[in-house]
Structure formats: structure tokens, C-alpha cells
Amino acid sequence: MTDREYQKMRADARRGVSRKYGFRQSSYINFKVEDGYFFCLYFLTDVRLTVKPMYADDLWWDIWESTENKNEPLSLRGIGAYSLSGQVLATYEIKDTTDRSELESLFEQVFHNATAEIKKFIADNPDADHFYPDESKMDHDPDRLLYLMALIHNGRKEDVLAIIKDARKNKHRCMFHSGMFSDSYTYIKRWGNRSNRYHKCVFGINQTAGKIARLYAFMIMSMSRDRREGLPDHNCYSSLQGGILIASVLPFIVSGSYIGALIMFLLLSVSLWRFFNNRKTRYYYSEFLKLPQKVQRKWTIVSWTATTILWIYFIILIAYF
């Protein structure tokens, strides 16, 4: 039996047993939602059963400005790059065996014990909204994000800010980063101050920038014929990018405002750099690829039309001045 055949046999055996206990399966995890909690079994070198409140990821994605993740399959809460770690409830071991019936028996024992552990946990913690994780049992959460989400969910803003202040004082480096200067704590503090007029303005600007970035991602994907690894082909959309730069800078040049042209060029360059280095850009690419072919073709027509208009505008400016 090859390794591939063995892994398929394990996955099939695990799926068959897990269904009897109400678990769903995706890749190396099995999960279920019960009484407001997300329970997840990770089948890696060992087997770990973890738990976290269902609201935790939703709240974190709101803070991290990744609300689109809420529309993804439930399994993302277990294997997503920006999903929160849970508290470990139990660990198990499954020995390697090529005997299908023996393997099913081992999985049966794991899911039976996990189900019993879940029932005990819910009996001890019936209210998911007021559950605070035991941080000594966390499955790798160096930024204490699950605990911070519980504090925020229960309105304990001052405790959250005190923890972040202490972490900054101790030069803690957050696991999640966005751009050069923002990390998970930056977003949490911004979320805490969202009622402030200044932060409302910043949030509004970020929302608008996100919509523009999504529009641009859809346009360059629609213009790309060769999409290797789900990425756009620069040779196909360079005419759009060049048209945007020229159409934005040229009016300043023809009017004699060279400083204005330089500032506009730098702003656009920084914006494009941020776009191609933004964690959300790949999500926009994948979102476009999920669109029906008919809709993608419409985007292609619109994108090439916009590109043509930009270059016609450029020609008119040159001819007029």
C-alpha cells in the first residue's frame, strides 16, 4: 500500500466514524458546533480536541477587517490562516495500522471520548458568551487573541487596553501583521476607538480603499489570460495600470504643476505597492475566479473599455496641449 493509498484509507475511515458522532470533516480536521461553541479535532502528529466560542472568529474578523470570512465554510474556523486558536480540551493518540477495521476501532474510541469530553465541557460552561479560556491550555496563542475577544465581547475594554499596553512595553511581536506598521493589536485598539470621530473617518477611508482594491483586483484578473496559481498576468493588465498612471499624472504636467504630478505619481505608486502586498488581494483574486464565466466575461469587456477610454483621454490631452 502506497502512502497516498494509506492516507486515503485513513481519511475515509475517519469520515465514516465521525459522521456517527455528528462531526464534519475537512482535510485534517473534524468539527462540530454545539451550544454556541466550535469544537475541532486536529489529526496531526497527535490528535487534539479544541474549543472556542462561535462569536470569537466573527468578532476577530470584524476587527481584522476580514468580514468576508464569515461567508466561508465553517471549516475555515479550524484551518484558516486568520482564524483563532482554541483551548485544548484533550489529546489522543492513534497508532499507524493498515488494518481498516482496527483503524476504524481506533477512530471510534477517539470520537467517543471526544464526545464525552464535549458534553462535560458544556455542562461546566453552559454559556458561551461568558466563557473565558484557560490560557495555560491554549493551542498556540502568543497574542492572547481568544482571551482578548472574550474580554471585548463582554465589554471589558479597559482590560484589553491594559494587556496590549503591557505587551507593547515588553516589546511583544504579534503573530498577525498587515503592512509595515500594523499588527493585531493595532487593529484591536482601532476597533476599541471606532466610536471616536477620527477613527470613524479612518475606518470609512479604509472601507472605501477596500472597495477600490476589490474593483481593481477584479479588473486585472478579468484582463489576464494566463492566471498561474490564481494570480493575474502583468503583461495583460499593464496597459490598464499604465493608463491609470498617465491619466492621473499628465493633467498636472500639462498645467505646469510638476510638484503636483510628482506627488500624484508617488501616491499612486505607494497605492499600487500596498495593493500587491495586501493580505486581502489574493482573496479578491480567488473571489473573482469563483464568479460564473458569463460574469467574468462582462468584467473583461468593462475593463478593456475603461482602459481604452483612459488612453483616448491621454491622446486628447497630448493633441490639445
C-alpha atoms as a PDB file:
ATOM      1  CA  MET A   1       0.000   0.000   0.000  1.00  0.00           C
ATOM      2  CA  THR A   2       1.428   3.366  -1.035  1.00  0.00           C
ATOM      3  CA  ASP A   3       1.431   6.325   1.340  1.00  0.00           C
ATOM      4  CA  ARG A   4      -1.245   8.041  -0.758  1.00  0.00           C
ATOM      5  CA  GLU A   5      -3.497   4.986  -0.586  1.00  0.00           C
ATOM      6  CA  TYR A   6      -2.917   4.723   3.158  1.00  0.00           C
ATOM      7  CA  GLN A   7      -3.781   8.373   3.778  1.00  0.00           C
ATOM      8  CA  LYS A   8      -6.971   7.990   1.716  1.00  0.00           C
ATOM      9  CA  MET A   9      -7.944   4.917   3.720  1.00  0.00           C
ATOM     10  CA  ARG A  10      -7.379   6.817   6.981  1.00  0.00           C
ATOM     11  CA  ALA A  11      -9.426   9.788   5.767  1.00  0.00           C
ATOM     12  CA  ASP A  12     -12.287   7.565   4.607  1.00  0.00           C
ATOM     13  CA  ALA A  13     -12.302   5.601   7.857  1.00  0.00           C
ATOM     14  CA  ARG A  14     -12.230   8.810   9.913  1.00  0.00           C
ATOM     15  CA  ARG A  15     -15.063  10.341   7.893  1.00  0.00           C
ATOM     16  CA  GLY A  16     -17.257   7.271   8.310  1.00  0.00           C
ATOM     17  CA  VAL A  17     -16.823   7.157  12.077  1.00  0.00           C
ATOM     18  CA  SER A  18     -17.050  10.936  12.586  1.00  0.00           C
ATOM     19  CA  ARG A  19     -20.500  11.148  10.979  1.00  0.00           C
ATOM     20  CA  LYS A  20     -21.938   8.846  13.620  1.00  0.00           C
ATOM     21  CA  TYR A  21     -20.951  11.403  16.258  1.00  0.00           C
ATOM     22  CA  GLY A  22     -22.174  14.462  14.377  1.00  0.00           C
ATOM     23  CA  PHE A  23     -18.754  15.706  13.223  1.00  0.00           C
ATOM     24  CA  ARG A  24     -17.987  17.112   9.772  1.00  0.00           C
ATOM     25  CA  GLN A  25     -14.655  16.620   8.058  1.00  0.00           C
ATOM     26  CA  SER A  26     -12.311  18.866   6.082  1.00  0.00           C
ATOM     27  CA  SER A  27      -8.692  17.999   5.351  1.00  0.00           C
ATOM     28  CA  TYR A  28      -7.023  17.065   8.657  1.00  0.00           C
ATOM     29  CA  ILE A  29      -9.799  18.286  10.956  1.00  0.00           C
ATOM     30  CA  ASN A  30     -13.227  17.162  12.152  1.00  0.00           C
ATOM     31  CA  PHE A  31     -15.504  19.751  13.705  1.00  0.00           C
ATOM     32  CA  LYS A  32     -18.964  20.410  15.082  1.00  0.00           C
ATOM     33  CA  VAL A  33     -20.910  23.346  16.504  1.00  0.00           C
ATOM     34  CA  GLU A  34     -22.769  22.821  19.733  1.00  0.00           C
ATOM     35  CA  ASP A  35     -24.364  25.246  22.232  1.00  0.00           C
ATOM     36  CA  GLY A  36     -22.545  28.259  20.775  1.00  0.00           C
ATOM     37  CA  TYR A  37     -19.107  26.589  20.736  1.00  0.00           C
ATOM     38  CA  PHE A  38     -16.891  25.444  17.860  1.00  0.00           C
ATOM     39  CA  PHE A  39     -15.294  22.089  18.720  1.00  0.00           C
ATOM     40  CA  CYS A  40     -12.471  20.880  16.493  1.00  0.00           C
ATOM     41  CA  LEU A  41     -10.391  17.699  16.371  1.00  0.00           C
ATOM     42  CA  TYR A  42      -6.983  18.141  14.737  1.00  0.00           C
ATOM     43  CA  PHE A  43      -5.436  14.954  13.349  1.00  0.00           C
ATOM     44  CA  LEU A  44      -1.760  15.846  13.052  1.00  0.00           C
ATOM     45  CA  THR A  45       1.190  14.123  14.748  1.00  0.00           C
ATOM     46  CA  ASP A  46      -1.178  13.704  17.668  1.00  0.00           C
ATOM     47  CA  VAL A  47      -4.908  14.331  17.983  1.00  0.00           C
ATOM     48  CA  ARG A  48      -6.093  17.476  19.796  1.00  0.00           C
ATOM     49  CA  LEU A  49      -9.626  18.482  20.733  1.00  0.00           C
ATOM     50  CA  THR A  50     -10.028  22.254  20.977  1.00  0.00           C
ATOM     51  CA  VAL A  51     -12.894  24.624  21.738  1.00  0.00           C
ATOM     52  CA  LYS A  52     -13.705  28.301  21.242  1.00  0.00           C
ATOM     53  CA  PRO A  53     -16.940  30.315  21.239  1.00  0.00           C
ATOM     54  CA  MET A  54     -18.515  30.715  17.820  1.00  0.00           C
ATOM     55  CA  TYR A  55     -18.596  34.506  18.206  1.00  0.00           C
ATOM     56  CA  ALA A  56     -14.800  34.651  18.642  1.00  0.00           C
ATOM     57  CA  ASP A  57     -13.811  34.299  14.985  1.00  0.00           C
ATOM     58  CA  ASP A  58     -16.685  36.523  13.824  1.00  0.00           C
ATOM     59  CA  LEU A  59     -15.590  39.274  16.196  1.00  0.00           C
ATOM     60  CA  TRP A  60     -11.933  38.853  15.267  1.00  0.00           C
ATOM     61  CA  TRP A  61     -12.702  39.019  11.540  1.00  0.00           C
ATOM     62  CA  ASP A  62     -14.694  42.215  12.114  1.00  0.00           C
ATOM     63  CA  ILE A  63     -11.710  43.702  13.937  1.00  0.00           C
ATOM     64  CA  TRP A  64      -9.183  42.397  11.393  1.00  0.00           C
ATOM     65  CA  GLU A  65     -11.377  43.789   8.580  1.00  0.00           C
ATOM     66  CA  SER A  66     -11.858  40.357   7.024  1.00  0.00           C
ATOM     67  CA  THR A  67     -15.630  40.119   7.327  1.00  0.00           C
ATOM     68  CA  GLU A  68     -15.782  38.175   4.064  1.00  0.00           C
ATOM     69  CA  ASN A  69     -14.509  35.145   6.014  1.00  0.00           C
ATOM     70  CA  LYS A  70     -17.916  34.884   7.674  1.00  0.00           C
ATOM     71  CA  ASN A  71     -19.325  33.705   4.347  1.00  0.00           C
ATOM     72  CA  GLU A  72     -16.765  30.913   4.005  1.00  0.00           C
ATOM     73  CA  PRO A  73     -17.400  27.279   5.045  1.00  0.00           C
ATOM     74  CA  LEU A  74     -17.339  26.536   8.784  1.00  0.00           C
ATOM     75  CA  SER A  75     -14.095  24.583   8.338  1.00  0.00           C
ATOM     76  CA  LEU A  76     -12.254  27.915   7.903  1.00  0.00           C
ATOM     77  CA  ARG A  77     -12.614  28.412  11.667  1.00  0.00           C
ATOM     78  CA  GLY A  78     -10.408  25.377  12.113  1.00  0.00           C
ATOM     79  CA  ILE A  79      -7.838  25.697   9.339  1.00  0.00           C
ATOM     80  CA  GLY A  80      -7.979  29.358   8.230  1.00  0.00           C
ATOM     81  CA  ALA A  81      -4.778  31.402   8.336  1.00  0.00           C
ATOM     82  CA  TYR A  82      -6.540  34.201  10.233  1.00  0.00           C
ATOM     83  CA  SER A  83      -8.707  32.013  12.467  1.00  0.00           C
ATOM     84  CA  LEU A  84      -8.241  31.965  16.221  1.00  0.00           C
ATOM     85  CA  SER A  85      -6.696  29.106  18.142  1.00  0.00           C
ATOM     86  CA  GLY A  86      -8.865  27.272  20.635  1.00  0.00           C
ATOM     87  CA  GLN A  87      -8.388  25.946  24.145  1.00  0.00           C
ATOM     88  CA  VAL A  88      -7.190  22.338  24.204  1.00  0.00           C
ATOM     89  CA  LEU A  89      -9.646  20.075  25.998  1.00  0.00           C
ATOM     90  CA  ALA A  90      -7.941  16.725  25.407  1.00  0.00           C
ATOM     91  CA  THR A  91      -5.239  14.965  23.388  1.00  0.00           C
ATOM     92  CA  TYR A  92      -5.344  11.461  21.939  1.00  0.00           C
ATOM     93  CA  GLU A  93      -3.071   9.117  20.045  1.00  0.00           C
ATOM     94  CA  ILE A  94      -3.788   6.884  17.075  1.00  0.00           C
ATOM     95  CA  LYS A  95      -1.177   4.330  16.097  1.00  0.00           C
ATOM     96  CA  ASP A  96      -0.450   3.553  12.458  1.00  0.00           C
ATOM     97  CA  THR A  97      -2.095   0.424  11.136  1.00  0.00           C
ATOM     98  CA  THR A  98      -3.075  -0.769   7.683  1.00  0.00           C
ATOM     99  CA  ASP A  99      -5.923  -2.871   9.066  1.00  0.00           C
ATOM    100  CA  ARG A 100      -9.131  -0.991   8.130  1.00  0.00           C
ATOM    101  CA  SER A 101     -11.266  -2.474  10.911  1.00  0.00           C
ATOM    102  CA  GLU A 102      -8.601  -1.785  13.550  1.00  0.00           C
ATOM    103  CA  LEU A 103      -8.241   1.792  12.281  1.00  0.00           C
ATOM    104  CA  GLU A 104     -11.992   2.334  12.489  1.00  0.00           C
ATOM    105  CA  SER A 105     -11.950   0.974  16.030  1.00  0.00           C
ATOM    106  CA  LEU A 106      -9.226   3.471  16.994  1.00  0.00           C
ATOM    107  CA  PHE A 107     -11.170   6.371  15.469  1.00  0.00           C
ATOM    108  CA  GLU A 108     -14.311   5.141  17.206  1.00  0.00           C
ATOM    109  CA  GLN A 109     -12.549   5.411  20.551  1.00  0.00           C
ATOM    110  CA  VAL A 110     -11.280   8.932  19.795  1.00  0.00           C
ATOM    111  CA  PHE A 111     -14.678  10.278  18.724  1.00  0.00           C
ATOM    112  CA  HIS A 112     -16.433   8.536  21.606  1.00  0.00           C
ATOM    113  CA  ASN A 113     -14.017  10.087  24.135  1.00  0.00           C
ATOM    114  CA  ALA A 114     -14.180  13.485  22.416  1.00  0.00           C
ATOM    115  CA  THR A 115     -17.982  13.464  22.539  1.00  0.00           C
ATOM    116  CA  ALA A 116     -17.884  12.667  26.258  1.00  0.00           C
ATOM    117  CA  GLU A 117     -15.357  15.482  26.795  1.00  0.00           C
ATOM    118  CA  ILE A 118     -17.584  17.920  24.919  1.00  0.00           C
ATOM    119  CA  LYS A 119     -20.631  17.010  26.999  1.00  0.00           C
ATOM    120  CA  LYS A 120     -18.637  17.505  30.201  1.00  0.00           C
ATOM    121  CA  PHE A 121     -17.287  20.847  28.983  1.00  0.00           C
ATOM    122  CA  ILE A 122     -20.749  22.168  28.067  1.00  0.00           C
ATOM    123  CA  ALA A 123     -22.117  21.064  31.434  1.00  0.00           C
ATOM    124  CA  ASP A 124     -19.336  23.055  33.142  1.00  0.00           C
ATOM    125  CA  ASN A 125     -19.572  26.016  30.727  1.00  0.00           C
ATOM    126  CA  PRO A 126     -23.195  26.288  29.557  1.00  0.00           C
ATOM    127  CA  ASP A 127     -22.954  29.952  28.473  1.00  0.00           C
ATOM    128  CA  ALA A 128     -20.573  30.501  25.542  1.00  0.00           C
ATOM    129  CA  ASP A 129     -20.954  34.292  25.823  1.00  0.00           C
ATOM    130  CA  HIS A 130     -19.343  34.309  29.261  1.00  0.00           C
ATOM    131  CA  PHE A 131     -16.667  31.690  28.666  1.00  0.00           C
ATOM    132  CA  TYR A 132     -13.067  32.774  29.299  1.00  0.00           C
ATOM    133  CA  PRO A 133     -10.347  30.399  28.031  1.00  0.00           C
ATOM    134  CA  ASP A 134      -7.775  28.844  30.327  1.00  0.00           C
ATOM    135  CA  GLU A 135      -4.666  30.369  28.756  1.00  0.00           C
ATOM    136  CA  SER A 136      -2.415  27.659  30.172  1.00  0.00           C
ATOM    137  CA  LYS A 137      -4.229  25.206  27.877  1.00  0.00           C
ATOM    138  CA  MET A 138      -4.241  27.260  24.680  1.00  0.00           C
ATOM    139  CA  ASP A 139      -3.190  25.750  21.369  1.00  0.00           C
ATOM    140  CA  HIS A 140      -0.535  28.347  20.494  1.00  0.00           C
ATOM    141  CA  ASP A 141      -1.994  31.823  21.022  1.00  0.00           C
ATOM    142  CA  PRO A 142       1.016  34.069  21.740  1.00  0.00           C
ATOM    143  CA  ASP A 143      -1.029  37.240  21.213  1.00  0.00           C
ATOM    144  CA  ARG A 144      -3.764  36.060  23.648  1.00  0.00           C
ATOM    145  CA  LEU A 145      -6.341  36.808  20.982  1.00  0.00           C
ATOM    146  CA  LEU A 146      -9.018  34.373  22.150  1.00  0.00           C
ATOM    147  CA  TYR A 147      -8.872  35.814  25.657  1.00  0.00           C
ATOM    148  CA  LEU A 148      -8.942  39.362  24.275  1.00  0.00           C
ATOM    149  CA  MET A 149     -12.007  38.530  22.157  1.00  0.00           C
ATOM    150  CA  ALA A 150     -13.758  37.236  25.283  1.00  0.00           C
ATOM    151  CA  LEU A 151     -12.937  40.482  27.104  1.00  0.00           C
ATOM    152  CA  ILE A 152     -14.163  42.626  24.195  1.00  0.00           C
ATOM    153  CA  HIS A 153     -17.318  40.534  23.836  1.00  0.00           C
ATOM    154  CA  ASN A 154     -18.111  41.183  27.489  1.00  0.00           C
ATOM    155  CA  GLY A 155     -17.402  44.917  27.334  1.00  0.00           C
ATOM    156  CA  ARG A 156     -14.123  44.875  29.268  1.00  0.00           C
ATOM    157  CA  LYS A 157     -12.355  47.399  27.037  1.00  0.00           C
ATOM    158  CA  GLU A 158     -10.043  48.771  29.726  1.00  0.00           C
ATOM    159  CA  ASP A 159      -8.693  45.297  30.499  1.00  0.00           C
ATOM    160  CA  VAL A 160      -7.961  44.793  26.807  1.00  0.00           C
ATOM    161  CA  LEU A 161      -6.073  48.075  26.501  1.00  0.00           C
ATOM    162  CA  ALA A 162      -4.095  47.297  29.680  1.00  0.00           C
ATOM    163  CA  ILE A 163      -2.988  43.918  28.277  1.00  0.00           C
ATOM    164  CA  ILE A 164      -1.940  45.489  24.974  1.00  0.00           C
ATOM    165  CA  LYS A 165      -0.085  48.307  26.742  1.00  0.00           C
ATOM    166  CA  ASP A 166       1.819  45.785  28.866  1.00  0.00           C
ATOM    167  CA  ALA A 167       2.646  43.687  25.800  1.00  0.00           C
ATOM    168  CA  ARG A 168       3.952  46.743  23.946  1.00  0.00           C
ATOM    169  CA  LYS A 169       6.039  47.665  26.971  1.00  0.00           C
ATOM    170  CA  ASN A 170       7.617  44.209  26.890  1.00  0.00           C
ATOM    171  CA  LYS A 171       8.279  44.589  23.132  1.00  0.00           C
ATOM    172  CA  HIS A 172       5.954  41.733  22.201  1.00  0.00           C
ATOM    173  CA  ARG A 173       5.834  40.989  18.451  1.00  0.00           C
ATOM    174  CA  CYS A 174       2.380  39.989  17.254  1.00  0.00           C
ATOM    175  CA  MET A 175       1.863  36.927  15.110  1.00  0.00           C
ATOM    176  CA  PHE A 176      -0.546  38.664  12.702  1.00  0.00           C
ATOM    177  CA  HIS A 177       0.761  41.619  10.686  1.00  0.00           C
ATOM    178  CA  SER A 178      -0.771  43.820   7.998  1.00  0.00           C
ATOM    179  CA  GLY A 179       1.559  46.056   6.025  1.00  0.00           C
ATOM    180  CA  MET A 180       4.669  47.556   7.567  1.00  0.00           C
ATOM    181  CA  PHE A 181       3.236  49.189  10.683  1.00  0.00           C
ATOM    182  CA  SER A 182       0.000  47.421  11.678  1.00  0.00           C
ATOM    183  CA  ASP A 183      -0.488  44.221  13.656  1.00  0.00           C
ATOM    184  CA  SER A 184      -3.338  42.533  15.526  1.00  0.00           C
ATOM    185  CA  TYR A 185      -3.008  44.906  18.499  1.00  0.00           C
ATOM    186  CA  THR A 186      -3.182  47.931  16.184  1.00  0.00           C
ATOM    187  CA  TYR A 187      -6.490  46.685  14.814  1.00  0.00           C
ATOM    188  CA  ILE A 188      -7.873  45.890  18.255  1.00  0.00           C
ATOM    189  CA  LYS A 189      -7.068  49.389  19.545  1.00  0.00           C
ATOM    190  CA  ARG A 190      -8.595  50.905  16.419  1.00  0.00           C
ATOM    191  CA  TRP A 191     -11.720  48.809  16.952  1.00  0.00           C
ATOM    192  CA  GLY A 192     -11.955  49.947  20.551  1.00  0.00           C
ATOM    193  CA  ASN A 193     -11.862  53.580  19.435  1.00  0.00           C
ATOM    194  CA  ARG A 194     -14.245  53.150  16.482  1.00  0.00           C
ATOM    195  CA  SER A 195     -16.834  55.479  18.064  1.00  0.00           C
ATOM    196  CA  ASN A 196     -14.250  58.278  18.034  1.00  0.00           C
ATOM    197  CA  ARG A 197     -14.858  60.737  15.168  1.00  0.00           C
ATOM    198  CA  TYR A 198     -11.266  60.486  13.931  1.00  0.00           C
ATOM    199  CA  HIS A 199     -11.305  56.698  13.908  1.00  0.00           C
ATOM    200  CA  LYS A 200     -14.708  56.712  12.209  1.00  0.00           C
ATOM    201  CA  CYS A 201     -13.126  58.756   9.447  1.00  0.00           C
ATOM    202  CA  VAL A 202     -10.145  56.368   9.203  1.00  0.00           C
ATOM    203  CA  PHE A 203     -12.487  53.371   9.135  1.00  0.00           C
ATOM    204  CA  GLY A 204     -14.530  54.978   6.351  1.00  0.00           C
ATOM    205  CA  ILE A 205     -11.377  55.630   4.314  1.00  0.00           C
ATOM    206  CA  ASN A 206     -10.234  52.023   4.812  1.00  0.00           C
ATOM    207  CA  GLN A 207     -13.640  50.718   3.716  1.00  0.00           C
ATOM    208  CA  THR A 208     -13.552  52.861   0.562  1.00  0.00           C
ATOM    209  CA  ALA A 209      -9.963  51.816  -0.167  1.00  0.00           C
ATOM    210  CA  GLY A 210     -11.010  48.181   0.207  1.00  0.00           C
ATOM    211  CA  LYS A 211     -13.812  48.592  -2.337  1.00  0.00           C
ATOM    212  CA  ILE A 212     -11.426  50.269  -4.806  1.00  0.00           C
ATOM    213  CA  ALA A 213      -8.858  47.492  -4.284  1.00  0.00           C
ATOM    214  CA  ARG A 214     -11.523  44.838  -4.926  1.00  0.00           C
ATOM    215  CA  LEU A 215     -12.607  46.640  -8.109  1.00  0.00           C
ATOM    216  CA  TYR A 216      -9.003  46.864  -9.356  1.00  0.00           C
ATOM    217  CA  ALA A 217      -8.340  43.183  -8.499  1.00  0.00           C
ATOM    218  CA  PHE A 218     -11.400  42.099 -10.476  1.00  0.00           C
ATOM    219  CA  MET A 219     -10.360  44.253 -13.440  1.00  0.00           C
ATOM    220  CA  ILE A 220      -6.791  42.968 -13.715  1.00  0.00           C
ATOM    221  CA  MET A 221      -7.935  39.372 -13.214  1.00  0.00           C
ATOM    222  CA  SER A 222     -10.539  39.747 -15.953  1.00  0.00           C
ATOM    223  CA  MET A 223      -7.864  41.052 -18.342  1.00  0.00           C
ATOM    224  CA  SER A 224      -5.416  38.217 -17.596  1.00  0.00           C
ATOM    225  CA  ARG A 225      -5.438  35.271 -19.965  1.00  0.00           C
ATOM    226  CA  ASP A 226      -2.795  33.277 -18.098  1.00  0.00           C
ATOM    227  CA  ARG A 227      -3.614  33.028 -14.368  1.00  0.00           C
ATOM    228  CA  ARG A 228      -0.855  30.898 -12.914  1.00  0.00           C
ATOM    229  CA  GLU A 229      -1.525  29.845  -9.322  1.00  0.00           C
ATOM    230  CA  GLY A 230      -4.590  32.103  -9.291  1.00  0.00           C
ATOM    231  CA  LEU A 231      -2.536  35.266  -9.936  1.00  0.00           C
ATOM    232  CA  PRO A 232      -3.014  37.840 -12.720  1.00  0.00           C
ATOM    233  CA  ASP A 233      -0.617  38.155 -15.659  1.00  0.00           C
ATOM    234  CA  HIS A 234       1.163  41.517 -15.511  1.00  0.00           C
ATOM    235  CA  ASN A 235       1.684  41.584 -19.284  1.00  0.00           C
ATOM    236  CA  CYS A 236      -2.086  41.552 -19.795  1.00  0.00           C
ATOM    237  CA  TYR A 237      -3.066  44.332 -17.431  1.00  0.00           C
ATOM    238  CA  SER A 238      -0.022  46.621 -17.781  1.00  0.00           C
ATOM    239  CA  SER A 239      -1.970  48.766 -20.279  1.00  0.00           C
ATOM    240  CA  LEU A 240      -4.629  49.467 -17.620  1.00  0.00           C
ATOM    241  CA  GLN A 241      -2.023  50.212 -14.972  1.00  0.00           C
ATOM    242  CA  GLY A 242      -0.091  52.484 -17.329  1.00  0.00           C
ATOM    243  CA  GLY A 243      -3.303  54.215 -18.408  1.00  0.00           C
ATOM    244  CA  ILE A 244      -4.251  54.977 -14.813  1.00  0.00           C
ATOM    245  CA  LEU A 245      -0.787  56.400 -14.033  1.00  0.00           C
ATOM    246  CA  ILE A 246      -0.592  58.541 -17.172  1.00  0.00           C
ATOM    247  CA  ALA A 247      -4.192  59.783 -16.989  1.00  0.00           C
ATOM    248  CA  SER A 248      -3.648  60.804 -13.349  1.00  0.00           C
ATOM    249  CA  VAL A 249      -0.256  62.472 -13.730  1.00  0.00           C
ATOM    250  CA  LEU A 250      -0.451  64.053 -17.192  1.00  0.00           C
ATOM    251  CA  PRO A 251      -3.049  66.764 -16.333  1.00  0.00           C
ATOM    252  CA  PHE A 252      -0.649  68.133 -13.704  1.00  0.00           C
ATOM    253  CA  ILE A 253       2.226  68.135 -16.190  1.00  0.00           C
ATOM    254  CA  VAL A 254       0.336  69.915 -18.965  1.00  0.00           C
ATOM    255  CA  SER A 255      -0.847  72.527 -16.464  1.00  0.00           C
ATOM    256  CA  GLY A 256       2.734  73.126 -15.352  1.00  0.00           C
ATOM    257  CA  SER A 257       2.272  71.725 -11.850  1.00  0.00           C
ATOM    258  CA  TYR A 258       5.292  69.412 -11.742  1.00  0.00           C
ATOM    259  CA  ILE A 259       5.227  69.106  -7.961  1.00  0.00           C
ATOM    260  CA  GLY A 260       1.588  68.043  -8.152  1.00  0.00           C
ATOM    261  CA  ALA A 261       2.496  65.476 -10.818  1.00  0.00           C
ATOM    262  CA  LEU A 262       5.293  64.116  -8.630  1.00  0.00           C
ATOM    263  CA  ILE A 263       3.004  63.890  -5.592  1.00  0.00           C
ATOM    264  CA  MET A 264       0.295  62.123  -7.616  1.00  0.00           C
ATOM    265  CA  PHE A 265       2.848  59.694  -9.080  1.00  0.00           C
ATOM    266  CA  LEU A 266       4.204  58.866  -5.619  1.00  0.00           C
ATOM    267  CA  LEU A 267       0.693  58.417  -4.190  1.00  0.00           C
ATOM    268  CA  LEU A 268      -0.297  56.044  -6.989  1.00  0.00           C
ATOM    269  CA  SER A 269       2.983  54.125  -6.701  1.00  0.00           C
ATOM    270  CA  VAL A 270       2.509  53.648  -2.959  1.00  0.00           C
ATOM    271  CA  SER A 271      -1.127  52.653  -3.500  1.00  0.00           C
ATOM    272  CA  LEU A 272      -0.163  50.025  -6.081  1.00  0.00           C
ATOM    273  CA  TRP A 273       2.628  48.734  -3.844  1.00  0.00           C
ATOM    274  CA  ARG A 274       0.183  48.397  -0.954  1.00  0.00           C
ATOM    275  CA  PHE A 275      -2.336  46.691  -3.214  1.00  0.00           C
ATOM    276  CA  PHE A 276       0.073  43.995  -4.380  1.00  0.00           C
ATOM    277  CA  ASN A 277       1.396  43.474  -0.843  1.00  0.00           C
ATOM    278  CA  ASN A 278      -2.002  43.438   0.868  1.00  0.00           C
ATOM    279  CA  ARG A 279      -3.163  40.218   2.539  1.00  0.00           C
ATOM    280  CA  LYS A 280      -6.658  40.712   1.083  1.00  0.00           C
ATOM    281  CA  THR A 281      -5.565  40.929  -2.555  1.00  0.00           C
ATOM    282  CA  ARG A 282      -5.295  37.158  -3.001  1.00  0.00           C
ATOM    283  CA  TYR A 283      -8.764  36.806  -1.524  1.00  0.00           C
ATOM    284  CA  TYR A 284     -10.130  39.220  -4.142  1.00  0.00           C
ATOM    285  CA  TYR A 285      -8.396  37.175  -6.864  1.00  0.00           C
ATOM    286  CA  SER A 286      -9.964  33.944  -5.626  1.00  0.00           C
ATOM    287  CA  GLU A 287     -13.334  35.693  -5.263  1.00  0.00           C
ATOM    288  CA  PHE A 288     -13.186  36.686  -8.926  1.00  0.00           C
ATOM    289  CA  LEU A 289     -12.329  33.134 -10.019  1.00  0.00           C
ATOM    290  CA  LYS A 290     -15.479  31.886  -8.263  1.00  0.00           C
ATOM    291  CA  LEU A 291     -17.679  34.102 -10.441  1.00  0.00           C
ATOM    292  CA  PRO A 292     -19.631  32.473 -13.318  1.00  0.00           C
ATOM    293  CA  GLN A 293     -17.866  32.596 -16.693  1.00  0.00           C
ATOM    294  CA  LYS A 294     -20.562  34.896 -18.065  1.00  0.00           C
ATOM    295  CA  VAL A 295     -19.941  37.439 -15.298  1.00  0.00           C
ATOM    296  CA  GLN A 296     -16.161  37.186 -15.768  1.00  0.00           C
ATOM    297  CA  ARG A 297     -16.588  37.968 -19.472  1.00  0.00           C
ATOM    298  CA  LYS A 298     -18.623  41.070 -18.600  1.00  0.00           C
ATOM    299  CA  TRP A 299     -15.805  42.216 -16.308  1.00  0.00           C
ATOM    300  CA  THR A 300     -13.344  41.675 -19.181  1.00  0.00           C
ATOM    301  CA  ILE A 301     -15.419  43.871 -21.512  1.00  0.00           C
ATOM    302  CA  VAL A 302     -15.781  46.620 -18.898  1.00  0.00           C
ATOM    303  CA  SER A 303     -12.060  46.538 -18.032  1.00  0.00           C
ATOM    304  CA  TRP A 304     -10.866  46.806 -21.621  1.00  0.00           C
ATOM    305  CA  THR A 305     -13.429  49.551 -22.284  1.00  0.00           C
ATOM    306  CA  ALA A 306     -12.119  51.526 -19.290  1.00  0.00           C
ATOM    307  CA  THR A 307      -8.533  51.004 -20.476  1.00  0.00           C
ATOM    308  CA  THR A 308      -9.414  52.252 -23.973  1.00  0.00           C
ATOM    309  CA  ILE A 309     -11.119  55.364 -22.538  1.00  0.00           C
ATOM    310  CA  LEU A 310      -8.043  56.157 -20.414  1.00  0.00           C
ATOM    311  CA  TRP A 311      -5.742  56.009 -23.442  1.00  0.00           C
ATOM    312  CA  ILE A 312      -8.145  58.060 -25.587  1.00  0.00           C
ATOM    313  CA  TYR A 313      -8.126  60.651 -22.797  1.00  0.00           C
ATOM    314  CA  PHE A 314      -4.308  60.600 -22.886  1.00  0.00           C
ATOM    315  CA  ILE A 315      -4.258  61.124 -26.680  1.00  0.00           C
ATOM    316  CA  ILE A 316      -6.745  64.020 -26.450  1.00  0.00           C
ATOM    317  CA  LEU A 317      -4.616  65.731 -23.778  1.00  0.00           C
ATOM    318  CA  ILE A 318      -1.477  65.389 -25.913  1.00  0.00           C
ATOM    319  CA  ALA A 319      -3.244  66.607 -29.055  1.00  0.00           C
ATOM    320  CA  TYR A 320      -4.901  69.561 -27.308  1.00  0.00           C
ATOM    321  CA  PHE A 321      -1.849  70.837 -25.494  1.00  0.00           C
END
